[in-house]
Amino acid sequence: MNVRVEHIRASLEQALHPLELQIEDESHLHAGHEGARDGRGHFRVRIVAADFAGLPLIRRHQRVYMALGELMHTDIHALALDTRAPGEG
């Protein structure tokens, strides 16, 4: 079990109630990368949530950042997001 992934999952589920949520820890792909030296990780998230309906991409990402809160400063160095509303490709 990846503790960081589980913390990310719990935060997003609590705040956004996603219909679909996939989280990949890609930190191993960035070993030696200057940004990875502080111990924070690189993650890829695909999230489908009704809360995103009618919102532009920037607002969707802001909602994810808000949901993750302090994790953005303590555990996450890089976050690749795929944010969709139900029914979007």
C-alpha atoms as a PDB file:
ATOM      1  CA  MET A   1       0.000   0.000   0.000  1.00  0.00           C
ATOM      2  CA  ASN A   2       1.285   3.461  -0.952  1.00  0.00           C
ATOM      3  CA  VAL A   3       0.471   5.786   1.951  1.00  0.00           C
ATOM      4  CA  ARG A   4       0.706   8.936  -0.165  1.00  0.00           C
ATOM      5  CA  VAL A   5      -1.672   7.563  -2.772  1.00  0.00           C
ATOM      6  CA  GLU A   6      -4.129   6.605  -0.037  1.00  0.00           C
ATOM      7  CA  HIS A   7      -3.964  10.100   1.487  1.00  0.00           C
ATOM      8  CA  ILE A   8      -4.564  11.638  -1.946  1.00  0.00           C
ATOM      9  CA  ARG A   9      -7.453   9.228  -2.562  1.00  0.00           C
ATOM     10  CA  ALA A  10      -9.094   9.965   0.797  1.00  0.00           C
ATOM     11  CA  SER A  11      -8.821  13.732   0.327  1.00  0.00           C
ATOM     12  CA  LEU A  12     -10.295  13.674  -3.180  1.00  0.00           C
ATOM     13  CA  GLU A  13     -13.076  11.246  -2.271  1.00  0.00           C
ATOM     14  CA  GLN A  14     -14.113  13.308   0.738  1.00  0.00           C
ATOM     15  CA  ALA A  15     -14.136  16.645  -1.097  1.00  0.00           C
ATOM     16  CA  LEU A  16     -15.281  15.742  -4.622  1.00  0.00           C
ATOM     17  CA  HIS A  17     -17.164  12.409  -4.369  1.00  0.00           C
ATOM     18  CA  PRO A  18     -15.750  11.159  -7.675  1.00  0.00           C
ATOM     19  CA  LEU A  19     -17.520   8.643  -9.867  1.00  0.00           C
ATOM     20  CA  GLU A  20     -14.099   7.512 -11.095  1.00  0.00           C
ATOM     21  CA  LEU A  21     -10.702   8.038  -9.502  1.00  0.00           C
ATOM     22  CA  GLN A  22      -7.355   6.685 -10.682  1.00  0.00           C
ATOM     23  CA  ILE A  23      -4.099   7.676  -9.008  1.00  0.00           C
ATOM     24  CA  GLU A  24      -0.673   6.626 -10.236  1.00  0.00           C
ATOM     25  CA  ASP A  25       2.525   7.262  -8.327  1.00  0.00           C
ATOM     26  CA  GLU A  26       5.088   8.106 -11.002  1.00  0.00           C
ATOM     27  CA  SER A  27       7.806   9.141  -8.558  1.00  0.00           C
ATOM     28  CA  HIS A  28      10.073   6.296  -9.671  1.00  0.00           C
ATOM     29  CA  LEU A  29      10.192   7.849 -13.149  1.00  0.00           C
ATOM     30  CA  HIS A  30      11.721  11.000 -11.682  1.00  0.00           C
ATOM     31  CA  ALA A  31      14.454   9.533  -9.489  1.00  0.00           C
ATOM     32  CA  GLY A  32      17.394  11.907  -9.531  1.00  0.00           C
ATOM     33  CA  HIS A  33      15.233  14.762 -10.819  1.00  0.00           C
ATOM     34  CA  GLU A  34      16.070  17.953  -8.931  1.00  0.00           C
ATOM     35  CA  GLY A  35      12.449  18.447  -7.898  1.00  0.00           C
ATOM     36  CA  ALA A  36      12.315  14.962  -6.381  1.00  0.00           C
ATOM     37  CA  ARG A  37      15.181  15.606  -3.974  1.00  0.00           C
ATOM     38  CA  ASP A  38      12.892  17.033  -1.296  1.00  0.00           C
ATOM     39  CA  GLY A  39      11.132  13.662  -0.996  1.00  0.00           C
ATOM     40  CA  ARG A  40       7.790  14.751  -2.414  1.00  0.00           C
ATOM     41  CA  GLY A  41       6.258  12.643  -5.175  1.00  0.00           C
ATOM     42  CA  HIS A  42       5.043  12.851  -8.755  1.00  0.00           C
ATOM     43  CA  PHE A  43       1.471  11.689  -9.342  1.00  0.00           C
ATOM     44  CA  ARG A  44      -0.984  11.296 -12.220  1.00  0.00           C
ATOM     45  CA  VAL A  45      -4.690  11.599 -11.351  1.00  0.00           C
ATOM     46  CA  ARG A  46      -7.744  10.936 -13.490  1.00  0.00           C
ATOM     47  CA  ILE A  47     -10.921  12.041 -11.766  1.00  0.00           C
ATOM     48  CA  VAL A  48     -14.506  12.149 -12.985  1.00  0.00           C
ATOM     49  CA  ALA A  49     -16.831  14.133 -10.730  1.00  0.00           C
ATOM     50  CA  ALA A  50     -20.211  15.785 -11.096  1.00  0.00           C
ATOM     51  CA  ASP A  51     -18.732  18.856  -9.362  1.00  0.00           C
ATOM     52  CA  PHE A  52     -16.758  19.572 -12.531  1.00  0.00           C
ATOM     53  CA  ALA A  53     -19.837  19.955 -14.771  1.00  0.00           C
ATOM     54  CA  GLY A  54     -19.844  23.342 -16.477  1.00  0.00           C
ATOM     55  CA  LEU A  55     -16.480  24.385 -15.022  1.00  0.00           C
ATOM     56  CA  PRO A  56     -13.484  25.436 -17.102  1.00  0.00           C
ATOM     57  CA  LEU A  57     -10.289  23.417 -16.758  1.00  0.00           C
ATOM     58  CA  ILE A  58      -8.582  25.912 -14.440  1.00  0.00           C
ATOM     59  CA  ARG A  59     -11.482  25.824 -11.937  1.00  0.00           C
ATOM     60  CA  ARG A  60     -11.479  22.008 -11.997  1.00  0.00           C
ATOM     61  CA  HIS A  61      -7.781  21.963 -11.197  1.00  0.00           C
ATOM     62  CA  GLN A  62      -8.247  24.552  -8.457  1.00  0.00           C
ATOM     63  CA  ARG A  63     -10.878  22.339  -6.846  1.00  0.00           C
ATOM     64  CA  VAL A  64      -8.466  19.415  -6.858  1.00  0.00           C
ATOM     65  CA  TYR A  65      -5.706  21.569  -5.339  1.00  0.00           C
ATOM     66  CA  MET A  66      -8.084  22.815  -2.654  1.00  0.00           C
ATOM     67  CA  ALA A  67      -9.182  19.255  -1.877  1.00  0.00           C
ATOM     68  CA  LEU A  68      -5.565  18.160  -1.492  1.00  0.00           C
ATOM     69  CA  GLY A  69      -4.752  21.120   0.730  1.00  0.00           C
ATOM     70  CA  GLU A  70      -1.567  20.630   2.762  1.00  0.00           C
ATOM     71  CA  LEU A  71      -0.596  17.532   0.747  1.00  0.00           C
ATOM     72  CA  MET A  72       0.349  19.937  -2.052  1.00  0.00           C
ATOM     73  CA  HIS A  73       3.098  21.276   0.215  1.00  0.00           C
ATOM     74  CA  THR A  74       4.157  18.149   2.091  1.00  0.00           C
ATOM     75  CA  ASP A  75       3.750  15.152  -0.238  1.00  0.00           C
ATOM     76  CA  ILE A  76       3.219  16.288  -3.834  1.00  0.00           C
ATOM     77  CA  HIS A  77       5.900  17.821  -6.033  1.00  0.00           C
ATOM     78  CA  ALA A  78       4.174  17.309  -9.395  1.00  0.00           C
ATOM     79  CA  LEU A  79       0.581  16.497 -10.263  1.00  0.00           C
ATOM     80  CA  ALA A  80      -0.679  15.631 -13.750  1.00  0.00           C
ATOM     81  CA  LEU A  81      -4.460  16.020 -13.831  1.00  0.00           C
ATOM     82  CA  ASP A  82      -7.187  14.685 -16.096  1.00  0.00           C
ATOM     83  CA  THR A  83     -10.393  16.208 -14.727  1.00  0.00           C
ATOM     84  CA  ARG A  84     -13.734  15.415 -16.332  1.00  0.00           C
ATOM     85  CA  ALA A  85     -17.426  15.702 -15.681  1.00  0.00           C
ATOM     86  CA  PRO A  86     -19.629  12.643 -16.204  1.00  0.00           C
ATOM     87  CA  GLY A  87     -20.238  11.988 -19.897  1.00  0.00           C
ATOM     88  CA  GLU A  88     -17.088  13.758 -21.084  1.00  0.00           C
ATOM     89  CA  GLY A  89     -14.843  11.630 -23.306  1.00  0.00           C
END
